[in-house]
Amino acid sequence: MKYQIVPVTPFQQNCTLLWCGDTNKAAVIDPGGDLERIQAAIDKLGVEVEQVLLTHAHIDHAGASRMLADQLGVPLVGPHKADQFWLDQLPQQAQMFGLALSQAFTPDRYLEDGEQVAVGHVTLDVLHTPGHTPGHVVFHNADSGLAFVGDVLFAGSIGRTDFPMSNHGDLIASITGKLWPLGGDTEFVPGHGPNSTFDQERRSNPFVADAVLGG
């Protein structure tokens, strides 16, 4: 599996283009905006995008997803159905943050914990990780030891839980119960900022380090 991060929106959200090196089949994770920039990366790499994937439905992650999926003629997959209320509010989210108008939509397929998504010969395991939003999901590729975690976990921080239907306890449970078991050497691509590993965050993250949580 190969991937390239394409920062989008004023929030510098890590939209990710990932593809199978064997088949050139690709997926775009969290195209929140700046469609021209995303399309330019697709064209430069010469990959064939088969689907758009969403970790959750906040505007900086989902804002341009329906438009991109329709533009490419591919299905829009994810997040978990518990985030539908955020998808319904995309126009209000766009107005609130002064971003390009975004339409409300229902994805072509919701995702559930334990499902898998195929990108060519690459298999992504789906983990339902509520807390930041109730329907947040994470994509994990075991073969490469890589996870795309959206806004659940960051290098040195964790996702905000001051939004409607956010829950701090759920977020901590998602990190410790769903992410840590994937293995400490797992590298993760967060929704914002640089990559890190779960081991690094267990050692030094002031919110979820083992010393903080008593692990």
Protein backbone atom coordinates (compact mmCIF):
# COMPACT_ATOMS: atom_id res chain seq x y z
CA MET A 1 0.00 0.00 0.00
CA LYS A 2 1.15 3.49 -0.85
CA TYR A 3 -0.27 6.81 0.25
CA GLN A 4 0.11 10.56 -0.11
CA ILE A 5 -1.26 13.23 2.23
CA VAL A 6 -2.95 16.20 0.59
CA PRO A 7 -3.59 18.96 3.18
CA VAL A 8 -6.94 20.67 2.53
CA THR A 9 -9.11 23.48 3.93
CA PRO A 10 -7.93 26.30 6.21
CA PHE A 11 -7.78 23.63 8.95
CA GLN A 12 -4.97 21.82 7.07
CA GLN A 13 -6.84 18.56 7.28
CA ASN A 14 -4.87 15.50 6.17
CA CYS A 15 -6.87 14.25 3.21
CA THR A 16 -5.15 11.01 2.18
CA LEU A 17 -4.89 9.41 -1.23
CA LEU A 18 -4.00 5.75 -0.82
CA TRP A 19 -3.51 3.15 -3.49
CA CYS A 20 -2.55 -0.44 -4.17
CA GLY A 21 0.87 -0.67 -5.78
CA ASP A 22 -0.11 -3.87 -7.60
CA THR A 23 -3.34 -2.68 -9.23
CA ASN A 24 -3.14 1.15 -9.13
CA LYS A 25 -6.64 1.12 -7.59
CA ALA A 26 -7.08 3.96 -5.10
CA ALA A 27 -9.31 5.55 -2.48
CA VAL A 28 -9.49 9.08 -1.11
CA ILE A 29 -9.94 9.40 2.66
CA ASP A 30 -11.61 12.56 4.03
CA PRO A 31 -11.70 14.98 1.09
CA GLY A 32 -12.84 17.98 3.11
CA GLY A 33 -12.26 20.61 0.43
CA ASP A 34 -9.87 21.97 -2.20
CA LEU A 35 -11.04 19.55 -4.88
CA GLU A 36 -8.62 20.97 -7.45
CA ARG A 37 -5.68 20.09 -5.21
CA ILE A 38 -6.98 16.56 -4.66
CA GLN A 39 -7.69 16.03 -8.35
CA ALA A 40 -4.23 17.30 -9.25
CA ALA A 41 -2.66 14.70 -6.93
CA ILE A 42 -4.80 11.95 -8.48
CA ASP A 43 -3.81 13.01 -12.00
CA LYS A 44 -0.12 13.30 -11.14
CA LEU A 45 -0.01 9.83 -9.59
CA GLY A 46 -2.08 8.33 -12.38
CA VAL A 47 -4.12 6.19 -10.01
CA GLU A 48 -7.70 4.97 -10.50
CA VAL A 49 -9.88 6.11 -7.61
CA GLU A 50 -12.60 3.55 -6.88
CA GLN A 51 -14.15 5.04 -3.75
CA VAL A 52 -14.22 7.92 -1.30
CA LEU A 53 -13.91 6.98 2.39
CA LEU A 54 -14.91 9.04 5.42
CA THR A 55 -13.67 8.70 8.99
CA HIS A 56 -16.32 11.11 10.28
CA ALA A 57 -18.67 13.84 9.18
CA HIS A 58 -17.15 17.13 10.33
CA ILE A 59 -16.95 19.71 7.56
CA ASP A 60 -13.14 19.74 7.22
CA HIS A 61 -13.20 15.99 6.56
CA ALA A 62 -16.46 15.51 4.66
CA GLY A 63 -17.19 18.88 3.07
CA ALA A 64 -16.23 18.04 -0.52
CA SER A 65 -16.72 14.28 -0.34
CA ARG A 66 -20.06 14.06 -2.14
CA MET A 67 -18.86 16.39 -4.88
CA LEU A 68 -15.66 14.40 -5.41
CA ALA A 69 -17.47 11.06 -5.43
CA ASP A 70 -19.98 12.35 -7.97
CA GLN A 71 -17.21 13.94 -10.05
CA LEU A 72 -15.32 10.64 -10.19
CA GLY A 73 -18.44 8.47 -10.46
CA VAL A 74 -17.49 6.36 -7.43
CA PRO A 75 -19.29 5.35 -4.20
CA LEU A 76 -18.96 7.35 -1.00
CA VAL A 77 -18.35 4.97 1.90
CA GLY A 78 -18.57 5.72 5.62
CA PRO A 79 -18.64 6.81 8.29
CA HIS A 80 -20.78 4.87 10.80
CA LYS A 81 -24.49 5.69 10.65
CA ALA A 82 -24.32 7.46 14.03
CA ASP A 83 -22.72 10.43 12.22
CA GLN A 84 -25.65 10.97 9.86
CA PHE A 85 -26.85 13.95 11.92
CA TRP A 86 -23.51 15.66 11.19
CA LEU A 87 -23.88 14.90 7.48
CA ASP A 88 -27.34 16.45 7.59
CA GLN A 89 -25.80 19.61 9.07
CA LEU A 90 -22.98 20.06 6.54
CA PRO A 91 -24.54 23.23 5.07
CA GLN A 92 -24.74 24.79 8.55
CA GLN A 93 -21.19 23.65 9.36
CA ALA A 94 -19.90 25.28 6.17
CA GLN A 95 -21.66 28.54 6.99
CA MET A 96 -20.39 28.52 10.56
CA PHE A 97 -16.75 28.18 9.53
CA GLY A 98 -16.92 30.28 6.37
CA LEU A 99 -16.11 27.36 4.09
CA ALA A 100 -17.42 26.54 0.62
CA LEU A 101 -21.05 25.46 0.55
CA SER A 102 -21.44 21.75 1.21
CA GLN A 103 -24.57 19.72 0.61
CA ALA A 104 -26.15 17.30 3.06
CA PHE A 105 -26.08 13.71 1.89
CA THR A 106 -26.41 10.07 2.87
CA PRO A 107 -23.38 7.92 2.03
CA ASP A 108 -23.73 5.06 -0.40
CA ARG A 109 -22.69 2.73 2.39
CA TYR A 110 -22.36 3.14 6.14
CA LEU A 111 -19.55 1.29 7.88
CA GLU A 112 -19.75 -0.95 10.93
CA ASP A 113 -17.09 -2.11 13.36
CA GLY A 114 -15.34 -5.23 12.08
CA GLU A 115 -16.08 -4.67 8.39
CA GLN A 116 -13.41 -4.45 5.73
CA VAL A 117 -12.86 -2.19 2.74
CA ALA A 118 -10.81 -3.38 -0.24
CA VAL A 119 -8.63 -1.04 -2.28
CA GLY A 120 -7.19 -3.22 -5.01
CA HIS A 121 -5.28 -5.93 -3.12
CA VAL A 122 -5.13 -3.77 0.02
CA THR A 123 -7.50 -4.59 2.86
CA LEU A 124 -8.54 -1.92 5.35
CA ASP A 125 -10.09 -3.09 8.60
CA VAL A 126 -12.82 -0.80 9.95
CA LEU A 127 -12.92 0.09 13.64
CA HIS A 128 -15.83 2.06 15.09
CA THR A 129 -14.18 4.61 17.38
CA PRO A 130 -16.77 6.95 18.92
CA GLY A 131 -15.91 9.90 21.13
CA HIS A 132 -14.92 12.79 18.89
CA THR A 133 -18.12 12.04 17.00
CA PRO A 134 -20.47 9.12 17.68
CA GLY A 135 -19.96 7.60 14.23
CA HIS A 136 -16.21 8.02 13.82
CA VAL A 137 -14.32 5.13 12.22
CA VAL A 138 -10.65 4.28 11.79
CA PHE A 139 -9.10 2.43 8.83
CA HIS A 140 -6.24 0.01 9.58
CA ASN A 141 -4.03 -1.92 7.19
CA ALA A 142 -2.37 -4.72 9.13
CA ASP A 143 0.11 -5.63 6.39
CA SER A 144 1.75 -2.19 6.41
CA GLY A 145 1.16 -1.47 10.11
CA LEU A 146 -0.58 1.77 9.22
CA ALA A 147 -3.80 3.34 10.54
CA PHE A 148 -5.80 6.33 9.35
CA VAL A 149 -7.34 7.62 12.56
CA GLY A 150 -9.09 10.86 11.61
CA ASP A 151 -9.55 13.05 14.68
CA VAL A 152 -9.42 10.33 17.34
CA LEU A 153 -5.71 10.72 18.13
CA PHE A 154 -2.94 13.17 17.22
CA ALA A 155 0.76 13.41 17.87
CA GLY A 156 0.69 14.75 21.42
CA SER A 157 -3.06 15.28 21.64
CA ILE A 158 -6.51 13.73 21.20
CA GLY A 159 -9.74 14.68 19.47
CA ARG A 160 -11.99 17.40 20.84
CA THR A 161 -15.04 16.31 22.77
CA ASP A 162 -16.86 19.63 23.15
CA PHE A 163 -19.12 19.06 20.14
CA PRO A 164 -22.74 17.84 20.24
CA MET A 165 -22.79 14.07 20.83
CA SER A 166 -19.06 13.98 21.63
CA ASN A 167 -18.01 12.03 24.71
CA HIS A 168 -14.60 12.15 26.40
CA GLY A 169 -14.98 8.78 28.10
CA ASP A 170 -15.92 7.13 24.83
CA LEU A 171 -12.92 8.71 23.12
CA ILE A 172 -10.46 7.41 25.72
CA ALA A 173 -12.07 3.97 25.49
CA SER A 174 -11.74 4.03 21.70
CA ILE A 175 -8.05 4.92 21.91
CA THR A 176 -7.11 2.42 24.60
CA GLY A 177 -9.53 -0.34 23.62
CA LYS A 178 -9.42 -0.15 19.82
CA LEU A 179 -6.15 1.53 18.82
CA TRP A 180 -3.60 0.29 21.37
CA PRO A 181 -4.36 -3.40 20.63
CA LEU A 182 -3.29 -2.82 17.01
CA GLY A 183 0.30 -2.77 18.24
CA GLY A 184 2.69 -0.13 19.51
CA ASP A 185 4.74 -0.01 16.31
CA THR A 186 1.65 0.89 14.29
CA GLU A 187 2.15 4.23 12.55
CA PHE A 188 -0.90 6.44 12.26
CA VAL A 189 -1.96 9.26 9.98
CA PRO A 190 -4.05 11.71 12.03
CA GLY A 191 -6.61 14.14 10.71
CA HIS A 192 -4.24 17.04 11.35
CA GLY A 193 -0.52 17.35 11.97
CA PRO A 194 2.35 14.86 11.68
CA ASN A 195 2.27 11.08 11.85
CA SER A 196 3.22 9.26 15.01
CA THR A 197 3.11 5.73 16.44
CA PHE A 198 0.92 4.30 19.16
CA ASP A 199 4.02 3.49 21.24
CA GLN A 200 5.12 7.12 21.08
CA GLU A 201 1.71 8.32 22.25
CA ARG A 202 1.57 5.75 25.05
CA ARG A 203 4.90 7.09 26.27
CA SER A 204 4.42 10.83 25.95
CA ASN A 205 0.90 11.94 25.03
CA PRO A 206 -0.30 14.02 28.03
CA PHE A 207 -3.89 12.84 27.50
CA VAL A 208 -3.50 9.09 27.01
CA ALA A 209 0.03 8.13 28.11
CA ASP A 210 0.16 4.98 30.21
CA ALA A 211 1.46 7.01 33.15
CA VAL A 212 -1.54 9.34 32.89
CA LEU A 213 -4.13 6.58 32.58
CA GLY A 214 -2.45 4.34 35.11
CA GLY A 215 -1.51 1.70 32.57
